[in-house]
Amino acid sequence: MKWIFYLIIPILWLFVVSWFTGSKDYVFQTNDDERKQKIKQKAIVQSWTTLILFFITNFLLNFFHLNDKRLDNVPLVYPEVDYFLVAVVSYFIFFIINNRKMSAN
């Protein structure tokens, strides 16, 4: 059963990366023109920059002991999911922003 995940996850990952980037270098190709590819690439860079900003902010808050003491008792079972959600949500926000900026209207 475990080998199914080792097979499905990389295939799913190739599909996700090819869709997010709009690149024709992957197995699953999208029908994106150059403008749409540029919009997707800009959104990826901006979402990763947002994620790095969250990492730096979290590091500085911990380094200078500026954490909110009320949140010490709140357990985060999977804190990585929060960062993943920040990356995905910021990608779609920047995709919409860049799509409106680069539209022909």
C-alpha atoms as a PDB file:
ATOM      1  CA  MET A   1       0.000   0.000   0.000  1.00  0.00           C
ATOM      2  CA  LYS A   2       2.856   2.364   0.786  1.00  0.00           C
ATOM      3  CA  TRP A   3       4.329   2.002  -2.706  1.00  0.00           C
ATOM      4  CA  ILE A   4       1.148   3.473  -4.184  1.00  0.00           C
ATOM      5  CA  PHE A   5       1.875   6.757  -2.411  1.00  0.00           C
ATOM      6  CA  TYR A   6       5.448   6.689  -3.709  1.00  0.00           C
ATOM      7  CA  LEU A   7       4.050   6.349  -7.208  1.00  0.00           C
ATOM      8  CA  ILE A   8       1.082   8.713  -7.040  1.00  0.00           C
ATOM      9  CA  ILE A   9       2.676  11.638  -5.187  1.00  0.00           C
ATOM     10  CA  PRO A  10       5.472  12.325  -7.762  1.00  0.00           C
ATOM     11  CA  ILE A  11       2.986  12.091 -10.635  1.00  0.00           C
ATOM     12  CA  LEU A  12       0.642  14.447  -8.813  1.00  0.00           C
ATOM     13  CA  TRP A  13       3.566  16.762  -8.083  1.00  0.00           C
ATOM     14  CA  LEU A  14       4.506  16.917 -11.785  1.00  0.00           C
ATOM     15  CA  PHE A  15       0.928  17.830 -12.627  1.00  0.00           C
ATOM     16  CA  VAL A  16       0.813  20.559  -9.949  1.00  0.00           C
ATOM     17  CA  VAL A  17       4.162  22.072 -10.955  1.00  0.00           C
ATOM     18  CA  SER A  18       3.300  22.070 -14.644  1.00  0.00           C
ATOM     19  CA  TRP A  19      -0.051  23.722 -13.943  1.00  0.00           C
ATOM     20  CA  PHE A  20       1.352  26.328 -11.524  1.00  0.00           C
ATOM     21  CA  THR A  21       4.207  27.321 -13.842  1.00  0.00           C
ATOM     22  CA  GLY A  22       2.471  26.889 -17.175  1.00  0.00           C
ATOM     23  CA  SER A  23       5.720  25.487 -18.532  1.00  0.00           C
ATOM     24  CA  LYS A  24       5.805  23.048 -21.409  1.00  0.00           C
ATOM     25  CA  ASP A  25       8.887  21.302 -20.010  1.00  0.00           C
ATOM     26  CA  TYR A  26       6.882  18.783 -18.003  1.00  0.00           C
ATOM     27  CA  VAL A  27       4.925  15.683 -18.938  1.00  0.00           C
ATOM     28  CA  PHE A  28       1.567  17.367 -18.334  1.00  0.00           C
ATOM     29  CA  GLN A  29       1.534  20.358 -20.635  1.00  0.00           C
ATOM     30  CA  THR A  30      -0.876  23.242 -20.332  1.00  0.00           C
ATOM     31  CA  ASN A  31      -2.254  25.383 -23.140  1.00  0.00           C
ATOM     32  CA  ASP A  32      -0.941  28.621 -21.674  1.00  0.00           C
ATOM     33  CA  ASP A  33       0.311  31.412 -23.884  1.00  0.00           C
ATOM     34  CA  GLU A  34       3.394  33.467 -22.998  1.00  0.00           C
ATOM     35  CA  ARG A  35       1.383  36.081 -21.120  1.00  0.00           C
ATOM     36  CA  LYS A  36      -0.263  33.451 -18.899  1.00  0.00           C
ATOM     37  CA  GLN A  37       3.104  31.770 -18.260  1.00  0.00           C
ATOM     38  CA  LYS A  38       4.612  35.112 -17.246  1.00  0.00           C
ATOM     39  CA  ILE A  39       1.691  35.771 -14.881  1.00  0.00           C
ATOM     40  CA  LYS A  40       2.082  32.343 -13.268  1.00  0.00           C
ATOM     41  CA  GLN A  41       5.847  32.720 -12.919  1.00  0.00           C
ATOM     42  CA  LYS A  42       5.481  36.140 -11.313  1.00  0.00           C
ATOM     43  CA  ALA A  43       2.866  34.762  -8.915  1.00  0.00           C
ATOM     44  CA  ILE A  44       5.198  31.919  -7.900  1.00  0.00           C
ATOM     45  CA  VAL A  45       8.066  34.300  -7.181  1.00  0.00           C
ATOM     46  CA  GLN A  46       5.814  36.616  -5.204  1.00  0.00           C
ATOM     47  CA  SER A  47       4.290  33.777  -3.173  1.00  0.00           C
ATOM     48  CA  TRP A  48       7.730  32.398  -2.285  1.00  0.00           C
ATOM     49  CA  THR A  49       8.822  35.902  -1.309  1.00  0.00           C
ATOM     50  CA  THR A  50       5.767  36.138   0.942  1.00  0.00           C
ATOM     51  CA  LEU A  51       6.646  32.785   2.493  1.00  0.00           C
ATOM     52  CA  ILE A  52      10.233  33.925   3.116  1.00  0.00           C
ATOM     53  CA  LEU A  53       8.835  37.074   4.730  1.00  0.00           C
ATOM     54  CA  PHE A  54       6.778  34.881   7.088  1.00  0.00           C
ATOM     55  CA  PHE A  55       9.874  32.814   7.930  1.00  0.00           C
ATOM     56  CA  ILE A  56      11.959  35.905   8.664  1.00  0.00           C
ATOM     57  CA  THR A  57       9.204  37.440  10.764  1.00  0.00           C
ATOM     58  CA  ASN A  58       8.794  34.232  12.743  1.00  0.00           C
ATOM     59  CA  PHE A  59      12.553  34.001  13.278  1.00  0.00           C
ATOM     60  CA  LEU A  60      12.858  37.608  14.453  1.00  0.00           C
ATOM     61  CA  LEU A  61       9.919  37.265  16.831  1.00  0.00           C
ATOM     62  CA  ASN A  62      11.517  34.172  18.352  1.00  0.00           C
ATOM     63  CA  PHE A  63      15.002  35.685  18.406  1.00  0.00           C
ATOM     64  CA  PHE A  64      13.942  38.827  20.255  1.00  0.00           C
ATOM     65  CA  HIS A  65      11.455  36.934  22.459  1.00  0.00           C
ATOM     66  CA  LEU A  66       8.512  38.970  21.222  1.00  0.00           C
ATOM     67  CA  ASN A  67       6.144  36.016  21.078  1.00  0.00           C
ATOM     68  CA  ASP A  68       2.617  36.334  22.343  1.00  0.00           C
ATOM     69  CA  LYS A  69       2.599  34.429  25.629  1.00  0.00           C
ATOM     70  CA  ARG A  70      -1.120  33.686  25.254  1.00  0.00           C
ATOM     71  CA  LEU A  71      -0.303  31.428  22.308  1.00  0.00           C
ATOM     72  CA  ASP A  72       2.191  29.257  24.200  1.00  0.00           C
ATOM     73  CA  ASN A  73      -0.517  26.809  25.242  1.00  0.00           C
ATOM     74  CA  VAL A  74      -1.976  26.440  21.755  1.00  0.00           C
ATOM     75  CA  PRO A  75      -0.664  23.211  20.240  1.00  0.00           C
ATOM     76  CA  LEU A  76       0.153  23.187  16.554  1.00  0.00           C
ATOM     77  CA  VAL A  77       0.194  19.587  15.437  1.00  0.00           C
ATOM     78  CA  TYR A  78       1.400  20.318  11.904  1.00  0.00           C
ATOM     79  CA  PRO A  79       2.772  23.878  11.659  1.00  0.00           C
ATOM     80  CA  GLU A  80       4.062  23.123   8.157  1.00  0.00           C
ATOM     81  CA  VAL A  81       0.474  23.125   6.922  1.00  0.00           C
ATOM     82  CA  ASP A  82       0.183  26.790   7.901  1.00  0.00           C
ATOM     83  CA  TYR A  83       3.176  27.711   5.757  1.00  0.00           C
ATOM     84  CA  PHE A  84       1.868  25.598   2.891  1.00  0.00           C
ATOM     85  CA  LEU A  85      -1.478  27.398   3.074  1.00  0.00           C
ATOM     86  CA  VAL A  86       0.281  30.771   3.108  1.00  0.00           C
ATOM     87  CA  ALA A  87       2.192  29.796  -0.036  1.00  0.00           C
ATOM     88  CA  VAL A  88      -0.864  28.504  -1.913  1.00  0.00           C
ATOM     89  CA  VAL A  89      -3.221  31.303  -0.888  1.00  0.00           C
ATOM     90  CA  SER A  90      -0.635  33.985  -1.660  1.00  0.00           C
ATOM     91  CA  TYR A  91      -0.022  32.350  -5.070  1.00  0.00           C
ATOM     92  CA  PHE A  92      -3.688  32.669  -5.994  1.00  0.00           C
ATOM     93  CA  ILE A  93      -3.895  36.226  -4.648  1.00  0.00           C
ATOM     94  CA  PHE A  94      -0.843  37.291  -6.658  1.00  0.00           C
ATOM     95  CA  PHE A  95      -2.125  35.379  -9.690  1.00  0.00           C
ATOM     96  CA  ILE A  96      -5.345  37.398  -9.615  1.00  0.00           C
ATOM     97  CA  ILE A  97      -3.453  40.669  -9.073  1.00  0.00           C
ATOM     98  CA  ASN A  98      -0.986  39.990 -11.882  1.00  0.00           C
ATOM     99  CA  ASN A  99      -3.750  38.791 -14.186  1.00  0.00           C
ATOM    100  CA  ARG A 100      -5.586  42.073 -13.715  1.00  0.00           C
ATOM    101  CA  LYS A 101      -2.393  44.102 -14.185  1.00  0.00           C
ATOM    102  CA  MET A 102      -1.443  42.345 -17.404  1.00  0.00           C
ATOM    103  CA  SER A 103      -4.896  42.149 -18.924  1.00  0.00           C
ATOM    104  CA  ALA A 104      -5.553  43.821 -22.227  1.00  0.00           C
ATOM    105  CA  ASN A 105      -8.533  45.777 -20.901  1.00  0.00           C
END
